[in-house]
PDB file of all heavy atoms in Angstrom:
ATOM      1  N   CYS A   1       5.038   2.814 -12.044  1.00  0.00           N
ATOM      2  CA  CYS A   1       5.163   1.834 -13.122  1.00  0.00           C
ATOM      3  C   CYS A   1       4.411   2.375 -14.331  1.00  0.00           C
ATOM      4  O   CYS A   1       3.587   3.286 -14.219  1.00  0.00           O
ATOM      5  CB  CYS A   1       4.609   0.472 -12.707  1.00  0.00           C
ATOM      6  SG  CYS A   1       2.853   0.484 -12.321  1.00  0.00           S
ATOM      7  N   ALA A   2       4.717   1.845 -15.496  1.00  0.00           N
ATOM      8  CA  ALA A   2       4.045   2.267 -16.731  1.00  0.00           C
ATOM      9  C   ALA A   2       2.657   1.647 -16.800  1.00  0.00           C
ATOM     10  O   ALA A   2       2.419   0.543 -16.312  1.00  0.00           O
ATOM     11  CB  ALA A   2       4.874   1.858 -17.943  1.00  0.00           C
ATOM     12  N   GLY A   3       1.730   2.391 -17.424  1.00  0.00           N
ATOM     13  CA  GLY A   3       0.376   1.887 -17.623  1.00  0.00           C
ATOM     14  C   GLY A   3      -0.524   2.154 -16.429  1.00  0.00           C
ATOM     15  O   GLY A   3      -0.091   2.662 -15.392  1.00  0.00           O
ATOM     16  N   ASP A   4      -1.791   1.811 -16.573  1.00  0.00           N
ATOM     17  CA  ASP A   4      -2.769   1.970 -15.505  1.00  0.00           C
ATOM     18  C   ASP A   4      -2.877   0.650 -14.742  1.00  0.00           C
ATOM     19  O   ASP A   4      -3.549  -0.275 -15.167  1.00  0.00           O
ATOM     20  CB  ASP A   4      -4.129   2.372 -16.083  1.00  0.00           C
ATOM     21  CG  ASP A   4      -5.173   2.612 -14.996  1.00  0.00           C
ATOM     22  OD1 ASP A   4      -4.838   2.456 -13.802  1.00  0.00           O
ATOM     23  OD2 ASP A   4      -6.319   2.944 -15.346  1.00  0.00           O
ATOM     24  N   MET A   5      -2.184   0.590 -13.601  1.00  0.00           N
ATOM     25  CA  MET A   5      -2.182  -0.604 -12.767  1.00  0.00           C
ATOM     26  C   MET A   5      -2.956  -0.383 -11.472  1.00  0.00           C
ATOM     27  O   MET A   5      -2.800  -1.134 -10.505  1.00  0.00           O
ATOM     28  CB  MET A   5      -0.733  -1.026 -12.450  1.00  0.00           C
ATOM     29  CG  MET A   5       0.087  -1.358 -13.668  1.00  0.00           C
ATOM     30  SD  MET A   5      -0.557  -2.828 -14.503  1.00  0.00           S
ATOM     31  CE  MET A   5       0.483  -2.867 -15.978  1.00  0.00           C
ATOM     32  N   SER A   6      -3.781   0.651 -11.436  1.00  0.00           N
ATOM     33  CA  SER A   6      -4.495   0.997 -10.201  1.00  0.00           C
ATOM     34  C   SER A   6      -5.393  -0.144  -9.733  1.00  0.00           C
ATOM     35  O   SER A   6      -5.537  -0.379  -8.533  1.00  0.00           O
ATOM     36  CB  SER A   6      -5.305   2.281 -10.389  1.00  0.00           C
ATOM     37  OG  SER A   6      -6.185   2.176 -11.498  1.00  0.00           O
ATOM     38  N   GLY A   7      -5.998  -0.865 -10.672  1.00  0.00           N
ATOM     39  CA  GLY A   7      -6.874  -1.966 -10.297  1.00  0.00           C
ATOM     40  C   GLY A   7      -6.161  -3.047  -9.514  1.00  0.00           C
ATOM     41  O   GLY A   7      -6.749  -3.670  -8.618  1.00  0.00           O
ATOM     42  N   ARG A   8      -4.902  -3.287  -9.835  1.00  0.00           N
ATOM     43  CA  ARG A   8      -4.134  -4.321  -9.126  1.00  0.00           C
ATOM     44  C   ARG A   8      -3.640  -3.835  -7.771  1.00  0.00           C
ATOM     45  O   ARG A   8      -3.469  -4.636  -6.834  1.00  0.00           O
ATOM     46  CB  ARG A   8      -2.922  -4.756  -9.963  1.00  0.00           C
ATOM     47  CG  ARG A   8      -3.258  -5.396 -11.283  1.00  0.00           C
ATOM     48  CD  ARG A   8      -1.999  -5.997 -11.879  1.00  0.00           C
ATOM     49  NE  ARG A   8      -2.134  -6.279 -13.295  1.00  0.00           N
ATOM     50  CZ  ARG A   8      -1.165  -6.769 -14.054  1.00  0.00           C
ATOM     51  NH1 ARG A   8       0.016  -7.019 -13.524  1.00  0.00           N
ATOM     52  NH2 ARG A   8      -1.364  -6.987 -15.341  1.00  0.00           N
ATOM     53  N   LEU A   9      -3.370  -2.521  -7.660  1.00  0.00           N
ATOM     54  CA  LEU A   9      -2.731  -1.990  -6.454  1.00  0.00           C
ATOM     55  C   LEU A   9      -3.727  -1.541  -5.393  1.00  0.00           C
ATOM     56  O   LEU A   9      -3.376  -1.472  -4.210  1.00  0.00           O
ATOM     57  CB  LEU A   9      -1.814  -0.816  -6.827  1.00  0.00           C
ATOM     58  CG  LEU A   9      -0.601  -1.184  -7.684  1.00  0.00           C
ATOM     59  CD1 LEU A   9       0.110   0.072  -8.174  1.00  0.00           C
ATOM     60  CD2 LEU A   9       0.370  -2.058  -6.892  1.00  0.00           C
ATOM     61  N   GLU A  10      -4.949  -1.219  -5.803  1.00  0.00           N
ATOM     62  CA  GLU A  10      -5.950  -0.805  -4.823  1.00  0.00           C
ATOM     63  C   GLU A  10      -6.556  -2.039  -4.157  1.00  0.00           C
ATOM     64  O   GLU A  10      -6.300  -3.165  -4.537  1.00  0.00           O
ATOM     65  CB  GLU A  10      -7.009   0.067  -5.500  1.00  0.00           C
ATOM     66  CG  GLU A  10      -6.460   1.446  -5.883  1.00  0.00           C
ATOM     67  CD  GLU A  10      -7.407   2.251  -6.758  1.00  0.00           C
ATOM     68  OE1 GLU A  10      -8.359   1.648  -7.319  1.00  0.00           O
ATOM     69  OE2 GLU A  10      -7.175   3.465  -6.907  1.00  0.00           O
ATOM     70  N   GLY A  11      -7.357  -1.838  -3.131  1.00  0.00           N
ATOM     71  CA  GLY A  11      -7.984  -2.962  -2.446  1.00  0.00           C
ATOM     72  C   GLY A  11      -7.017  -3.647  -1.498  1.00  0.00           C
ATOM     73  O   GLY A  11      -6.431  -3.021  -0.618  1.00  0.00           O
ATOM     74  N   GLN A  12      -6.815  -4.941  -1.701  1.00  0.00           N
ATOM     75  CA  GLN A  12      -6.014  -5.749  -0.778  1.00  0.00           C
ATOM     76  C   GLN A  12      -4.577  -5.245  -0.675  1.00  0.00           C
ATOM     77  O   GLN A  12      -4.016  -5.133   0.409  1.00  0.00           O
ATOM     78  CB  GLN A  12      -6.022  -7.211  -1.226  1.00  0.00           C
ATOM     79  CG  GLN A  12      -5.216  -8.150  -0.325  1.00  0.00           C
ATOM     80  CD  GLN A  12      -5.764  -8.240   1.082  1.00  0.00           C
ATOM     81  OE1 GLN A  12      -6.973  -8.120   1.293  1.00  0.00           O
ATOM     82  NE2 GLN A  12      -4.877  -8.456   2.059  1.00  0.00           N
ATOM     83  N   CYS A  13      -3.963  -4.948  -1.828  1.00  0.00           N
ATOM     84  CA  CYS A  13      -2.578  -4.471  -1.826  1.00  0.00           C
ATOM     85  C   CYS A  13      -2.466  -3.172  -1.034  1.00  0.00           C
ATOM     86  O   CYS A  13      -1.573  -3.015  -0.196  1.00  0.00           O
ATOM     87  CB  CYS A  13      -2.088  -4.251  -3.261  1.00  0.00           C
ATOM     88  SG  CYS A  13      -0.433  -3.550  -3.371  1.00  0.00           S
ATOM     89  N   LEU A  14      -3.364  -2.237  -1.272  1.00  0.00           N
ATOM     90  CA  LEU A  14      -3.319  -0.954  -0.591  1.00  0.00           C
ATOM     91  C   LEU A  14      -3.448  -1.121   0.922  1.00  0.00           C
ATOM     92  O   LEU A  14      -2.736  -0.470   1.698  1.00  0.00           O
ATOM     93  CB  LEU A  14      -4.445  -0.061  -1.123  1.00  0.00           C
ATOM     94  CG  LEU A  14      -4.394   1.419  -0.753  1.00  0.00           C
ATOM     95  CD1 LEU A  14      -3.126   2.070  -1.273  1.00  0.00           C
ATOM     96  CD2 LEU A  14      -5.619   2.136  -1.289  1.00  0.00           C
ATOM     97  N   GLN A  15      -4.318  -2.031   1.343  1.00  0.00           N
ATOM     98  CA  GLN A  15      -4.491  -2.278   2.782  1.00  0.00           C
ATOM     99  C   GLN A  15      -3.221  -2.855   3.390  1.00  0.00           C
ATOM    100  O   GLN A  15      -2.816  -2.476   4.508  1.00  0.00           O
ATOM    101  CB  GLN A  15      -5.669  -3.232   3.015  1.00  0.00           C
ATOM    102  CG  GLN A  15      -5.976  -3.469   4.493  1.00  0.00           C
ATOM    103  CD  GLN A  15      -6.274  -2.190   5.232  1.00  0.00           C
ATOM    104  OE1 GLN A  15      -7.186  -1.445   4.861  1.00  0.00           O
ATOM    105  NE2 GLN A  15      -5.507  -1.888   6.278  1.00  0.00           N
ATOM    106  N   GLU A  16      -2.573  -3.759   2.674  1.00  0.00           N
ATOM    107  CA  GLU A  16      -1.325  -4.344   3.179  1.00  0.00           C
ATOM    108  C   GLU A  16      -0.230  -3.282   3.301  1.00  0.00           C
ATOM    109  O   GLU A  16       0.543  -3.279   4.263  1.00  0.00           O
ATOM    110  CB  GLU A  16      -0.874  -5.474   2.250  1.00  0.00           C
ATOM    111  CG  GLU A  16      -1.776  -6.699   2.303  1.00  0.00           C
ATOM    112  CD  GLU A  16      -1.336  -7.787   1.328  1.00  0.00           C
ATOM    113  OE1 GLU A  16      -0.198  -7.705   0.829  1.00  0.00           O
ATOM    114  OE2 GLU A  16      -2.137  -8.707   1.067  1.00  0.00           O
ATOM    115  N   LEU A  17      -0.182  -2.373   2.326  1.00  0.00           N
ATOM    116  CA  LEU A  17       0.824  -1.307   2.377  1.00  0.00           C
ATOM    117  C   LEU A  17       0.555  -0.359   3.548  1.00  0.00           C
ATOM    118  O   LEU A  17       1.494   0.069   4.236  1.00  0.00           O
ATOM    119  CB  LEU A  17       0.833  -0.538   1.059  1.00  0.00           C
ATOM    120  CG  LEU A  17       1.192  -1.328  -0.194  1.00  0.00           C
ATOM    121  CD1 LEU A  17       1.168  -0.424  -1.421  1.00  0.00           C
ATOM    122  CD2 LEU A  17       2.560  -1.993  -0.054  1.00  0.00           C
ATOM    123  N   GLN A  18      -0.720  -0.038   3.773  1.00  0.00           N
ATOM    124  CA  GLN A  18      -1.062   0.836   4.906  1.00  0.00           C
ATOM    125  C   GLN A  18      -0.700   0.170   6.234  1.00  0.00           C
ATOM    126  O   GLN A  18      -0.218   0.823   7.167  1.00  0.00           O
ATOM    127  CB  GLN A  18      -2.541   1.191   4.878  1.00  0.00           C
ATOM    128  CG  GLN A  18      -2.936   2.260   5.896  1.00  0.00           C
ATOM    129  CD  GLN A  18      -2.275   3.600   5.609  1.00  0.00           C
ATOM    130  OE1 GLN A  18      -2.434   4.157   4.528  1.00  0.00           O
ATOM    131  NE2 GLN A  18      -1.515   4.110   6.581  1.00  0.00           N
ATOM    132  N   ASP A  19      -0.908  -1.132   6.324  1.00  0.00           N
ATOM    133  CA  ASP A  19      -0.552  -1.868   7.538  1.00  0.00           C
ATOM    134  C   ASP A  19       0.954  -1.796   7.794  1.00  0.00           C
ATOM    135  O   ASP A  19       1.386  -1.688   8.955  1.00  0.00           O
ATOM    136  CB  ASP A  19      -0.991  -3.328   7.428  1.00  0.00           C
ATOM    137  CG  ASP A  19      -2.505  -3.496   7.491  1.00  0.00           C
ATOM    138  OD1 ASP A  19      -3.191  -2.548   7.927  1.00  0.00           O
ATOM    139  OD2 ASP A  19      -3.002  -4.580   7.081  1.00  0.00           O
ATOM    140  N   ILE A  20       1.737  -1.866   6.725  1.00  0.00           N
ATOM    141  CA  ILE A  20       3.195  -1.756   6.874  1.00  0.00           C
ATOM    142  C   ILE A  20       3.574  -0.386   7.420  1.00  0.00           C
ATOM    143  O   ILE A  20       4.388  -0.262   8.337  1.00  0.00           O
ATOM    144  CB  ILE A  20       3.898  -2.026   5.526  1.00  0.00           C
ATOM    145  CG1 ILE A  20       3.767  -3.493   5.133  1.00  0.00           C
ATOM    146  CG2 ILE A  20       5.379  -1.629   5.596  1.00  0.00           C
ATOM    147  CD1 ILE A  20       4.274  -3.812   3.734  1.00  0.00           C
ATOM    148  N   VAL A  21       2.965   0.661   6.859  1.00  0.00           N
ATOM    149  CA  VAL A  21       3.251   2.026   7.324  1.00  0.00           C
ATOM    150  C   VAL A  21       2.850   2.190   8.788  1.00  0.00           C
ATOM    151  O   VAL A  21       3.616   2.701   9.614  1.00  0.00           O
ATOM    152  CB  VAL A  21       2.512   3.070   6.451  1.00  0.00           C
ATOM    153  CG1 VAL A  21       2.570   4.457   7.087  1.00  0.00           C
ATOM    154  CG2 VAL A  21       3.120   3.107   5.062  1.00  0.00           C
ATOM    155  N   ASP A  22       1.636   1.738   9.134  1.00  0.00           N
ATOM    156  CA  ASP A  22       1.132   1.906  10.498  1.00  0.00           C
ATOM    157  C   ASP A  22       1.963   1.129  11.512  1.00  0.00           C
ATOM    158  O   ASP A  22       2.098   1.562  12.662  1.00  0.00           O
ATOM    159  CB  ASP A  22      -0.335   1.450  10.583  1.00  0.00           C
ATOM    160  CG  ASP A  22      -1.262   2.340   9.766  1.00  0.00           C
ATOM    161  OD1 ASP A  22      -0.850   3.468   9.421  1.00  0.00           O
ATOM    162  OD2 ASP A  22      -2.393   1.896   9.461  1.00  0.00           O
ATOM    163  N   GLY A  23       2.515  -0.003  11.084  1.00  0.00           N
ATOM    164  CA  GLY A  23       3.277  -0.837  12.009  1.00  0.00           C
ATOM    165  C   GLY A  23       4.765  -0.556  12.042  1.00  0.00           C
ATOM    166  O   GLY A  23       5.490  -1.156  12.844  1.00  0.00           O
ATOM    167  N   PHE A  24       5.238   0.332  11.178  1.00  0.00           N
ATOM    168  CA  PHE A  24       6.673   0.604  11.099  1.00  0.00           C
ATOM    169  C   PHE A  24       7.127   1.392  12.325  1.00  0.00           C
ATOM    170  O   PHE A  24       6.462   2.342  12.751  1.00  0.00           O
ATOM    171  CB  PHE A  24       6.997   1.388   9.832  1.00  0.00           C
ATOM    172  CG  PHE A  24       8.456   1.422   9.484  1.00  0.00           C
ATOM    173  CD1 PHE A  24       9.071   0.315   8.909  1.00  0.00           C
ATOM    174  CD2 PHE A  24       9.233   2.548   9.730  1.00  0.00           C
ATOM    175  CE1 PHE A  24      10.416   0.330   8.576  1.00  0.00           C
ATOM    176  CE2 PHE A  24      10.567   2.576   9.404  1.00  0.00           C
ATOM    177  CZ  PHE A  24      11.168   1.469   8.825  1.00  0.00           C
ATOM    178  N   GLU A  25       8.263   1.013  12.877  1.00  0.00           N
ATOM    179  CA  GLU A  25       8.758   1.656  14.103  1.00  0.00           C
ATOM    180  C   GLU A  25       8.985   3.149  13.879  1.00  0.00           C
ATOM    181  O   GLU A  25       9.621   3.552  12.909  1.00  0.00           O
ATOM    182  CB  GLU A  25      10.071   1.000  14.545  1.00  0.00           C
ATOM    183  CG  GLU A  25      10.572   1.502  15.883  1.00  0.00           C
ATOM    184  CD  GLU A  25      11.837   0.781  16.338  1.00  0.00           C
ATOM    185  OE1 GLU A  25      12.325  -0.089  15.582  1.00  0.00           O
ATOM    186  OE2 GLU A  25      12.312   1.085  17.431  1.00  0.00           O
ATOM    187  N   ASP A  26       8.448   3.959  14.788  1.00  0.00           N
ATOM    188  CA  ASP A  26       8.601   5.421  14.757  1.00  0.00           C
ATOM    189  C   ASP A  26       8.048   6.045  13.478  1.00  0.00           C
ATOM    190  O   ASP A  26       8.508   7.110  13.059  1.00  0.00           O
ATOM    191  CB  ASP A  26      10.080   5.826  14.913  1.00  0.00           C
ATOM    192  CG  ASP A  26      10.647   5.439  16.268  1.00  0.00           C
ATOM    193  OD1 ASP A  26       9.876   5.441  17.239  1.00  0.00           O
ATOM    194  OD2 ASP A  26      11.852   5.150  16.349  1.00  0.00           O
ATOM    195  N   SER A  27       7.042   5.407  12.855  1.00  0.00           N
ATOM    196  CA  SER A  27       6.523   5.951  11.599  1.00  0.00           C
ATOM    197  C   SER A  27       5.893   7.333  11.811  1.00  0.00           C
ATOM    198  O   SER A  27       5.957   8.195  10.929  1.00  0.00           O
ATOM    199  CB  SER A  27       5.514   5.004  10.961  1.00  0.00           C
ATOM    200  OG  SER A  27       4.368   4.856  11.780  1.00  0.00           O
ATOM    201  N   ALA A  28       5.278   7.558  12.980  1.00  0.00           N
ATOM    202  CA  ALA A  28       4.643   8.857  13.247  1.00  0.00           C
ATOM    203  C   ALA A  28       5.664   9.982  13.176  1.00  0.00           C
ATOM    204  O   ALA A  28       5.396  11.064  12.638  1.00  0.00           O
ATOM    205  CB  ALA A  28       3.962   8.841  14.604  1.00  0.00           C
TER     206      ALA A  28
END
């Protein structure tokens, strides 16, 4: 996305995204 949005995406959002990756079927 345009601009510096790192503050919004790090922290809680980043953890939720990692959880999606870790829980996705056959992600490994």
